Amino acid sequence: MMIIDMHGHYYSKNLYPDWVPYGLDPLLKWTENPNIEIVVLSSLDVFERGMGENQKLLQICENNIKLWQWISIDPRIHYWWEKSPNLLKY
């Protein structure tokens, strides 16, 4: 089986209603599936908690080869790349 698009959004508990799964556990469960080679993640917490949330997700992805990060950008933050230059190291 080939999966063409497998991605997830990482966010904290209070961003969506309680019945919506949150956090990394549901996304990490996808990595256990041998048919899934890569899970691309982005952090929706950026919009509520700031660009530092991208850094947290970067560290998580660096420790799991099946997780790849898609950086979330808050358009309200001008020149975000100057505040988070280490996110552009790859």
PDB file of N, CA and C in Angstrom:
ATOM      1  N   MET A   1       0.849  -1.177   0.000  1.00  0.00           N
ATOM      2  CA  MET A   1       0.000   0.000   0.000  1.00  0.00           C
ATOM      3  C   MET A   1       0.891   1.236   0.000  1.00  0.00           C
ATOM      4  N   MET A   2       0.525   2.242  -0.792  1.00  0.00           N
ATOM      5  CA  MET A   2       1.267   3.491  -0.822  1.00  0.00           C
ATOM      6  C   MET A   2       0.391   4.610  -0.277  1.00  0.00           C
ATOM      7  N   ILE A   3       0.898   5.305   0.732  1.00  0.00           N
ATOM      8  CA  ILE A   3       0.199   6.452   1.287  1.00  0.00           C
ATOM      9  C   ILE A   3       0.852   7.695   0.709  1.00  0.00           C
ATOM     10  N   ILE A   4       0.072   8.517   0.066  1.00  0.00           N
ATOM     11  CA  ILE A   4       0.624   9.686  -0.615  1.00  0.00           C
ATOM     12  C   ILE A   4       0.719  10.877   0.330  1.00  0.00           C
ATOM     13  N   ASP A   5      -0.243  11.083   1.170  1.00  0.00           N
ATOM     14  CA  ASP A   5      -0.233  12.250   2.063  1.00  0.00           C
ATOM     15  C   ASP A   5      -0.560  11.802   3.479  1.00  0.00           C
ATOM     16  N   MET A   6       0.409  11.879   4.348  1.00  0.00           N
ATOM     17  CA  MET A   6       0.184  11.571   5.752  1.00  0.00           C
ATOM     18  C   MET A   6       0.768  12.723   6.541  1.00  0.00           C
ATOM     19  N   HIS A   7      -0.088  13.513   7.119  1.00  0.00           N
ATOM     20  CA  HIS A   7       0.412  14.628   7.915  1.00  0.00           C
ATOM     21  C   HIS A   7      -0.482  14.809   9.129  1.00  0.00           C
ATOM     22  N   GLY A   8       0.054  15.497  10.120  1.00  0.00           N
ATOM     23  CA  GLY A   8      -0.695  15.740  11.337  1.00  0.00           C
ATOM     24  C   GLY A   8      -0.365  17.094  11.898  1.00  0.00           C
ATOM     25  N   HIS A   9      -1.262  17.578  12.720  1.00  0.00           N
ATOM     26  CA  HIS A   9      -1.062  18.856  13.376  1.00  0.00           C
ATOM     27  C   HIS A   9      -0.940  18.623  14.878  1.00  0.00           C
ATOM     28  N   TYR A  10       0.140  19.086  15.426  1.00  0.00           N
ATOM     29  CA  TYR A  10       0.400  18.950  16.859  1.00  0.00           C
ATOM     30  C   TYR A  10      -0.164  20.181  17.556  1.00  0.00           C
ATOM     31  N   TYR A  11      -0.915  19.958  18.605  1.00  0.00           N
ATOM     32  CA  TYR A  11      -1.483  21.076  19.347  1.00  0.00           C
ATOM     33  C   TYR A  11      -1.806  20.629  20.770  1.00  0.00           C
ATOM     34  N   SER A  12      -2.007  21.602  21.622  1.00  0.00           N
ATOM     35  CA  SER A  12      -2.286  21.337  23.035  1.00  0.00           C
ATOM     36  C   SER A  12      -3.762  21.049  23.265  1.00  0.00           C
ATOM     37  N   LYS A  13      -4.062  20.627  24.456  1.00  0.00           N
ATOM     38  CA  LYS A  13      -5.394  20.141  24.806  1.00  0.00           C
ATOM     39  C   LYS A  13      -6.508  21.158  24.574  1.00  0.00           C
ATOM     40  N   ASN A  14      -6.324  22.386  24.904  1.00  0.00           N
ATOM     41  CA  ASN A  14      -7.440  23.332  24.904  1.00  0.00           C
ATOM     42  C   ASN A  14      -7.676  24.031  23.572  1.00  0.00           C
ATOM     43  N   LEU A  15      -6.983  23.652  22.521  1.00  0.00           N
ATOM     44  CA  LEU A  15      -7.168  24.308  21.234  1.00  0.00           C
ATOM     45  C   LEU A  15      -8.452  23.867  20.545  1.00  0.00           C
ATOM     46  N   TYR A  16      -8.825  22.608  20.711  1.00  0.00           N
ATOM     47  CA  TYR A  16     -10.031  22.053  20.098  1.00  0.00           C
ATOM     48  C   TYR A  16     -10.899  21.427  21.184  1.00  0.00           C
ATOM     49  N   PRO A  17     -12.134  21.024  20.855  1.00  0.00           N
ATOM     50  CA  PRO A  17     -12.990  20.369  21.853  1.00  0.00           C
ATOM     51  C   PRO A  17     -12.334  19.103  22.413  1.00  0.00           C
ATOM     52  N   ASP A  18     -12.760  18.685  23.576  1.00  0.00           N
ATOM     53  CA  ASP A  18     -12.155  17.547  24.274  1.00  0.00           C
ATOM     54  C   ASP A  18     -12.181  16.238  23.477  1.00  0.00           C
ATOM     55  N   TRP A  19     -13.144  16.058  22.587  1.00  0.00           N
ATOM     56  CA  TRP A  19     -13.237  14.798  21.837  1.00  0.00           C
ATOM     57  C   TRP A  19     -12.201  14.700  20.728  1.00  0.00           C
ATOM     58  N   VAL A  20     -11.520  15.791  20.391  1.00  0.00           N
ATOM     59  CA  VAL A  20     -10.490  15.768  19.347  1.00  0.00           C
ATOM     60  C   VAL A  20      -9.169  15.316  19.974  1.00  0.00           C
ATOM     61  N   PRO A  21      -8.525  14.278  19.428  1.00  0.00           N
ATOM     62  CA  PRO A  21      -7.234  13.852  19.988  1.00  0.00           C
ATOM     63  C   PRO A  21      -6.205  14.980  19.864  1.00  0.00           C
ATOM     64  N   TYR A  22      -5.380  15.136  20.869  1.00  0.00           N
ATOM     65  CA  TYR A  22      -4.406  16.217  20.877  1.00  0.00           C
ATOM     66  C   TYR A  22      -3.046  15.678  21.278  1.00  0.00           C
ATOM     67  N   GLY A  23      -2.047  16.501  21.132  1.00  0.00           N
ATOM     68  CA  GLY A  23      -0.700  16.129  21.548  1.00  0.00           C
ATOM     69  C   GLY A  23      -0.022  15.227  20.541  1.00  0.00           C
ATOM     70  N   LEU A  24       1.113  14.711  20.927  1.00  0.00           N
ATOM     71  CA  LEU A  24       1.923  13.897  20.026  1.00  0.00           C
ATOM     72  C   LEU A  24       1.536  12.424  19.981  1.00  0.00           C
ATOM     73  N   ASP A  25       0.915  11.910  21.015  1.00  0.00           N
ATOM     74  CA  ASP A  25       0.639  10.468  21.070  1.00  0.00           C
ATOM     75  C   ASP A  25      -0.109   9.923  19.849  1.00  0.00           C
ATOM     76  N   PRO A  26      -1.196  10.575  19.394  1.00  0.00           N
ATOM     77  CA  PRO A  26      -1.871  10.032  18.203  1.00  0.00           C
ATOM     78  C   PRO A  26      -0.964  10.044  16.974  1.00  0.00           C
ATOM     79  N   LEU A  27      -0.109  11.043  16.857  1.00  0.00           N
ATOM     80  CA  LEU A  27       0.780  11.143  15.706  1.00  0.00           C
ATOM     81  C   LEU A  27       1.914  10.132  15.789  1.00  0.00           C
ATOM     82  N   LEU A  28       2.429   9.916  16.979  1.00  0.00           N
ATOM     83  CA  LEU A  28       3.485   8.918  17.158  1.00  0.00           C
ATOM     84  C   LEU A  28       2.960   7.518  16.878  1.00  0.00           C
ATOM     85  N   LYS A  29       1.693   7.290  17.146  1.00  0.00           N
ATOM     86  CA  LYS A  29       1.088   5.987  16.858  1.00  0.00           C
ATOM     87  C   LYS A  29       1.145   5.693  15.358  1.00  0.00           C
ATOM     88  N   TRP A  30       0.996   6.729  14.538  1.00  0.00           N
ATOM     89  CA  TRP A  30       1.089   6.532  13.091  1.00  0.00           C
ATOM     90  C   TRP A  30       2.467   6.012  12.702  1.00  0.00           C
ATOM     91  N   THR A  31       3.506   6.414  13.402  1.00  0.00           N
ATOM     92  CA  THR A  31       4.864   5.996  13.041  1.00  0.00           C
ATOM     93  C   THR A  31       5.085   4.510  13.287  1.00  0.00           C
ATOM     94  N   GLU A  32       4.220   3.882  14.073  1.00  0.00           N
ATOM     95  CA  GLU A  32       4.328   2.453  14.345  1.00  0.00           C
ATOM     96  C   GLU A  32       3.825   1.612  13.165  1.00  0.00           C
ATOM     97  N   ASN A  33       3.084   2.221  12.263  1.00  0.00           N
ATOM     98  CA  ASN A  33       2.557   1.513  11.104  1.00  0.00           C
ATOM     99  C   ASN A  33       3.688   1.318  10.089  1.00  0.00           C
ATOM    100  N   PRO A  34       4.020   0.079   9.744  1.00  0.00           N
ATOM    101  CA  PRO A  34       5.134  -0.158   8.813  1.00  0.00           C
ATOM    102  C   PRO A  34       4.866   0.370   7.402  1.00  0.00           C
ATOM    103  N   ASN A  35       3.617   0.625   7.055  1.00  0.00           N
ATOM    104  CA  ASN A  35       3.276   1.158   5.742  1.00  0.00           C
ATOM    105  C   ASN A  35       3.451   2.672   5.651  1.00  0.00           C
ATOM    106  N   ILE A  36       3.690   3.307   6.775  1.00  0.00           N
ATOM    107  CA  ILE A  36       3.893   4.755   6.797  1.00  0.00           C
ATOM    108  C   ILE A  36       5.377   5.016   7.003  1.00  0.00           C
ATOM    109  N   GLU A  37       5.999   5.627   6.021  1.00  0.00           N
ATOM    110  CA  GLU A  37       7.427   5.904   6.099  1.00  0.00           C
ATOM    111  C   GLU A  37       7.719   7.252   6.746  1.00  0.00           C
ATOM    112  N   ILE A  38       6.866   8.245   6.508  1.00  0.00           N
ATOM    113  CA  ILE A  38       7.102   9.600   7.009  1.00  0.00           C
ATOM    114  C   ILE A  38       5.774  10.210   7.434  1.00  0.00           C
ATOM    115  N   VAL A  39       5.786  10.899   8.569  1.00  0.00           N
ATOM    116  CA  VAL A  39       4.649  11.694   9.021  1.00  0.00           C
ATOM    117  C   VAL A  39       5.143  13.135   9.102  1.00  0.00           C
ATOM    118  N   VAL A  40       4.512  14.006   8.345  1.00  0.00           N
ATOM    119  CA  VAL A  40       4.886  15.426   8.344  1.00  0.00           C
ATOM    120  C   VAL A  40       4.012  16.138   9.362  1.00  0.00           C
ATOM    121  N   LEU A  41       4.660  16.878  10.275  1.00  0.00           N
ATOM    122  CA  LEU A  41       3.951  17.527  11.381  1.00  0.00           C
ATOM    123  C   LEU A  41       4.102  19.037  11.326  1.00  0.00           C
ATOM    124  N   SER A  42       3.085  19.717  11.783  1.00  0.00           N
ATOM    125  CA  SER A  42       3.184  21.149  12.029  1.00  0.00           C
ATOM    126  C   SER A  42       2.559  21.428  13.391  1.00  0.00           C
ATOM    127  N   SER A  43       2.964  22.530  13.989  1.00  0.00           N
ATOM    128  CA  SER A  43       2.451  22.889  15.304  1.00  0.00           C
ATOM    129  C   SER A  43       1.420  24.001  15.183  1.00  0.00           C
ATOM    130  N   LEU A  44       0.200  23.722  15.577  1.00  0.00           N
ATOM    131  CA  LEU A  44      -0.822  24.764  15.601  1.00  0.00           C
ATOM    132  C   LEU A  44      -0.708  25.611  16.865  1.00  0.00           C
ATOM    133  N   ASP A  45       0.093  25.163  17.813  1.00  0.00           N
ATOM    134  CA  ASP A  45       0.308  25.943  19.032  1.00  0.00           C
ATOM    135  C   ASP A  45       1.055  27.240  18.760  1.00  0.00           C
ATOM    136  N   VAL A  46       1.688  27.342  17.590  1.00  0.00           N
ATOM    137  CA  VAL A  46       2.411  28.565  17.223  1.00  0.00           C
ATOM    138  C   VAL A  46       1.494  29.780  17.303  1.00  0.00           C
ATOM    139  N   PHE A  47       0.252  29.611  16.903  1.00  0.00           N
ATOM    140  CA  PHE A  47      -0.658  30.746  16.832  1.00  0.00           C
ATOM    141  C   PHE A  47      -1.109  31.237  18.199  1.00  0.00           C
ATOM    142  N   GLU A  48      -1.019  30.394  19.189  1.00  0.00           N
ATOM    143  CA  GLU A  48      -1.428  30.784  20.532  1.00  0.00           C
ATOM    144  C   GLU A  48      -0.238  31.003  21.468  1.00  0.00           C
ATOM    145  N   ARG A  49       0.847  30.253  21.258  1.00  0.00           N
ATOM    146  CA  ARG A  49       1.978  30.278  22.189  1.00  0.00           C
ATOM    147  C   ARG A  49       3.255  30.882  21.614  1.00  0.00           C
ATOM    148  N   GLY A  50       3.286  31.138  20.322  1.00  0.00           N
ATOM    149  CA  GLY A  50       4.451  31.785  19.726  1.00  0.00           C
ATOM    150  C   GLY A  50       5.325  30.836  18.924  1.00  0.00           C
ATOM    151  N   MET A  51       6.274  31.435  18.225  1.00  0.00           N
ATOM    152  CA  MET A  51       7.143  30.712  17.303  1.00  0.00           C
ATOM    153  C   MET A  51       8.051  29.705  17.998  1.00  0.00           C
ATOM    154  N   GLY A  52       8.248  29.826  19.303  1.00  0.00           N
ATOM    155  CA  GLY A  52       9.058  28.869  20.047  1.00  0.00           C
ATOM    156  C   GLY A  52       8.503  27.449  19.961  1.00  0.00           C
ATOM    157  N   GLU A  53       7.235  27.323  19.660  1.00  0.00           N
ATOM    158  CA  GLU A  53       6.628  25.990  19.522  1.00  0.00           C
ATOM    159  C   GLU A  53       7.234  25.229  18.348  1.00  0.00           C
ATOM    160  N   ASN A  54       7.656  25.946  17.311  1.00  0.00           N
ATOM    161  CA  ASN A  54       8.349  25.290  16.203  1.00  0.00           C
ATOM    162  C   ASN A  54       9.651  24.659  16.677  1.00  0.00           C
ATOM    163  N   GLN A  55      10.338  25.325  17.583  1.00  0.00           N
ATOM    164  CA  GLN A  55      11.598  24.799  18.108  1.00  0.00           C
ATOM    165  C   GLN A  55      11.357  23.508  18.883  1.00  0.00           C
ATOM    166  N   LYS A  56      10.295  23.464  19.668  1.00  0.00           N
ATOM    167  CA  LYS A  56       9.958  22.234  20.405  1.00  0.00           C
ATOM    168  C   LYS A  56       9.714  21.082  19.443  1.00  0.00           C
ATOM    169  N   LEU A  57       8.960  21.359  18.389  1.00  0.00           N
ATOM    170  CA  LEU A  57       8.654  20.313  17.423  1.00  0.00           C
ATOM    171  C   LEU A  57       9.902  19.887  16.653  1.00  0.00           C
ATOM    172  N   LEU A  58      10.794  20.820  16.381  1.00  0.00           N
ATOM    173  CA  LEU A  58      12.052  20.489  15.712  1.00  0.00           C
ATOM    174  C   LEU A  58      12.839  19.472  16.529  1.00  0.00           C
ATOM    175  N   GLN A  59      12.911  19.667  17.820  1.00  0.00           N
ATOM    176  CA  GLN A  59      13.640  18.735  18.687  1.00  0.00           C
ATOM    177  C   GLN A  59      12.987  17.355  18.678  1.00  0.00           C
ATOM    178  N   ILE A  60      11.676  17.308  18.660  1.00  0.00           N
ATOM    179  CA  ILE A  60      10.963  16.033  18.614  1.00  0.00           C
ATOM    180  C   ILE A  60      11.255  15.316  17.300  1.00  0.00           C
ATOM    181  N   CYS A  61      11.236  16.052  16.202  1.00  0.00           N
ATOM    182  CA  CYS A  61      11.487  15.454  14.887  1.00  0.00           C
ATOM    183  C   CYS A  61      12.932  15.002  14.735  1.00  0.00           C
ATOM    184  N   GLU A  62      13.856  15.704  15.354  1.00  0.00           N
ATOM    185  CA  GLU A  62      15.258  15.301  15.286  1.00  0.00           C
ATOM    186  C   GLU A  62      15.499  13.966  15.983  1.00  0.00           C
ATOM    187  N   ASN A  63      14.614  13.601  16.891  1.00  0.00           N
ATOM    188  CA  ASN A  63      14.766  12.354  17.637  1.00  0.00           C
ATOM    189  C   ASN A  63      13.928  11.206  17.083  1.00  0.00           C
ATOM    190  N   ASN A  64      13.227  11.418  15.968  1.00  0.00           N
ATOM    191  CA  ASN A  64      12.422  10.361  15.365  1.00  0.00           C
ATOM    192  C   ASN A  64      12.518  10.506  13.846  1.00  0.00           C
ATOM    193  N   ILE A  65      13.179   9.572  13.192  1.00  0.00           N
ATOM    194  CA  ILE A  65      13.444   9.703  11.755  1.00  0.00           C
ATOM    195  C   ILE A  65      12.182   9.644  10.895  1.00  0.00           C
ATOM    196  N   LYS A  66      11.092   9.146  11.426  1.00  0.00           N
ATOM    197  CA  LYS A  66       9.845   9.103  10.658  1.00  0.00           C
ATOM    198  C   LYS A  66       9.063  10.418  10.736  1.00  0.00           C
ATOM    199  N   LEU A  67       9.457  11.299  11.630  1.00  0.00           N
ATOM    200  CA  LEU A  67       8.758  12.578  11.774  1.00  0.00           C
ATOM    201  C   LEU A  67       9.528  13.676  11.056  1.00  0.00           C
ATOM    202  N   TRP A  68       8.848  14.394  10.192  1.00  0.00           N
ATOM    203  CA  TRP A  68       9.425  15.539   9.494  1.00  0.00           C
ATOM    204  C   TRP A  68       8.596  16.764   9.856  1.00  0.00           C
ATOM    205  N   GLN A  69       9.256  17.878  10.003  1.00  0.00           N
ATOM    206  CA  GLN A  69       8.569  19.098  10.427  1.00  0.00           C
ATOM    207  C   GLN A  69       8.202  19.995   9.255  1.00  0.00           C
ATOM    208  N   TRP A  70       6.992  20.498   9.321  1.00  0.00           N
ATOM    209  CA  TRP A  70       6.533  21.569   8.443  1.00  0.00           C
ATOM    210  C   TRP A  70       6.391  22.774   9.360  1.00  0.00           C
ATOM    211  N   ILE A  71       7.154  23.811   9.125  1.00  0.00           N
ATOM    212  CA  ILE A  71       7.163  24.969  10.023  1.00  0.00           C
ATOM    213  C   ILE A  71       5.868  25.758   9.881  1.00  0.00           C
ATOM    214  N   SER A  72       5.279  26.102  11.014  1.00  0.00           N
ATOM    215  CA  SER A  72       4.095  26.961  11.028  1.00  0.00           C
ATOM    216  C   SER A  72       4.546  28.407  11.181  1.00  0.00           C
ATOM    217  N   ILE A  73       3.984  29.262  10.370  1.00  0.00           N
ATOM    218  CA  ILE A  73       4.324  30.679  10.396  1.00  0.00           C
ATOM    219  C   ILE A  73       3.089  31.464  10.819  1.00  0.00           C
ATOM    220  N   ASP A  74       3.256  32.328  11.799  1.00  0.00           N
ATOM    221  CA  ASP A  74       2.184  33.217  12.215  1.00  0.00           C
ATOM    222  C   ASP A  74       2.342  34.511  11.412  1.00  0.00           C
ATOM    223  N   PRO A  75       1.421  34.808  10.504  1.00  0.00           N
ATOM    224  CA  PRO A  75       1.586  35.980   9.648  1.00  0.00           C
ATOM    225  C   PRO A  75       1.574  37.303  10.409  1.00  0.00           C
ATOM    226  N   ARG A  76       1.181  37.266  11.670  1.00  0.00           N
ATOM    227  CA  ARG A  76       1.191  38.492  12.477  1.00  0.00           C
ATOM    228  C   ARG A  76       2.589  38.848  12.962  1.00  0.00           C
ATOM    229  N   ILE A  77       3.539  37.915  12.831  1.00  0.00           N
ATOM    230  CA  ILE A  77       4.913  38.146  13.297  1.00  0.00           C
ATOM    231  C   ILE A  77       5.772  38.505  12.089  1.00  0.00           C
ATOM    232  N   HIS A  78       6.150  39.767  12.022  1.00  0.00           N
ATOM    233  CA  HIS A  78       6.993  40.226  10.922  1.00  0.00           C
ATOM    234  C   HIS A  78       8.431  39.773  11.156  1.00  0.00           C
ATOM    235  N   TYR A  79       9.110  39.437  10.097  1.00  0.00           N
ATOM    236  CA  TYR A  79      10.516  39.023  10.141  1.00  0.00           C
ATOM    237  C   TYR A  79      10.742  37.869  11.116  1.00  0.00           C
ATOM    238  N   TRP A  80       9.835  36.886  11.079  1.00  0.00           N
ATOM    239  CA  TRP A  80       9.913  35.742  12.001  1.00  0.00           C
ATOM    240  C   TRP A  80      11.239  35.027  11.872  1.00  0.00           C
ATOM    241  N   TRP A  81      11.849  34.994  10.683  1.00  0.00           N
ATOM    242  CA  TRP A  81      13.098  34.262  10.461  1.00  0.00           C
ATOM    243  C   TRP A  81      14.252  34.867  11.240  1.00  0.00           C
ATOM    244  N   GLU A  82      14.172  36.142  11.571  1.00  0.00           N
ATOM    245  CA  GLU A  82      15.213  36.771  12.379  1.00  0.00           C
ATOM    246  C   GLU A  82      15.107  36.333  13.844  1.00  0.00           C
ATOM    247  N   LYS A  83      13.914  35.983  14.263  1.00  0.00           N
ATOM    248  CA  LYS A  83      13.684  35.569  15.649  1.00  0.00           C
ATOM    249  C   LYS A  83      13.910  34.060  15.831  1.00  0.00           C
ATOM    250  N   SER A  84      13.902  33.308  14.737  1.00  0.00           N
ATOM    251  CA  SER A  84      14.044  31.851  14.808  1.00  0.00           C
ATOM    252  C   SER A  84      14.998  31.340  13.726  1.00  0.00           C
ATOM    253  N   PRO A  85      16.234  31.829  13.686  1.00  0.00           N
ATOM    254  CA  PRO A  85      17.129  31.432  12.589  1.00  0.00           C
ATOM    255  C   PRO A  85      17.489  29.958  12.592  1.00  0.00           C
ATOM    256  N   ASN A  86      17.470  29.312  13.756  1.00  0.00           N
ATOM    257  CA  ASN A  86      17.850  27.883  13.812  1.00  0.00           C
ATOM    258  C   ASN A  86      16.821  26.982  13.143  1.00  0.00           C
ATOM    259  N   LEU A  87      15.614  27.468  12.883  1.00  0.00           N
ATOM    260  CA  LEU A  87      14.613  26.668  12.177  1.00  0.00           C
ATOM    261  C   LEU A  87      14.952  26.539  10.697  1.00  0.00           C
ATOM    262  N   LEU A  88      15.840  27.366  10.210  1.00  0.00           N
ATOM    263  CA  LEU A  88      16.175  27.359   8.794  1.00  0.00           C
ATOM    264  C   LEU A  88      17.487  26.646   8.525  1.00  0.00           C
ATOM    265  N   LYS A  89      17.983  25.894   9.482  1.00  0.00           N
ATOM    266  CA  LYS A  89      19.303  25.289   9.341  1.00  0.00           C
ATOM    267  C   LYS A  89      19.331  24.106   8.372  1.00  0.00           C
ATOM    268  N   TYR A  90      18.196  23.590   7.998  1.00  0.00           N
ATOM    269  CA  TYR A  90      18.168  22.422   7.108  1.00  0.00           C
ATOM    270  C   TYR A  90      17.997  22.856   5.690  1.00  0.00           C
TER     271      TYR A  90
END
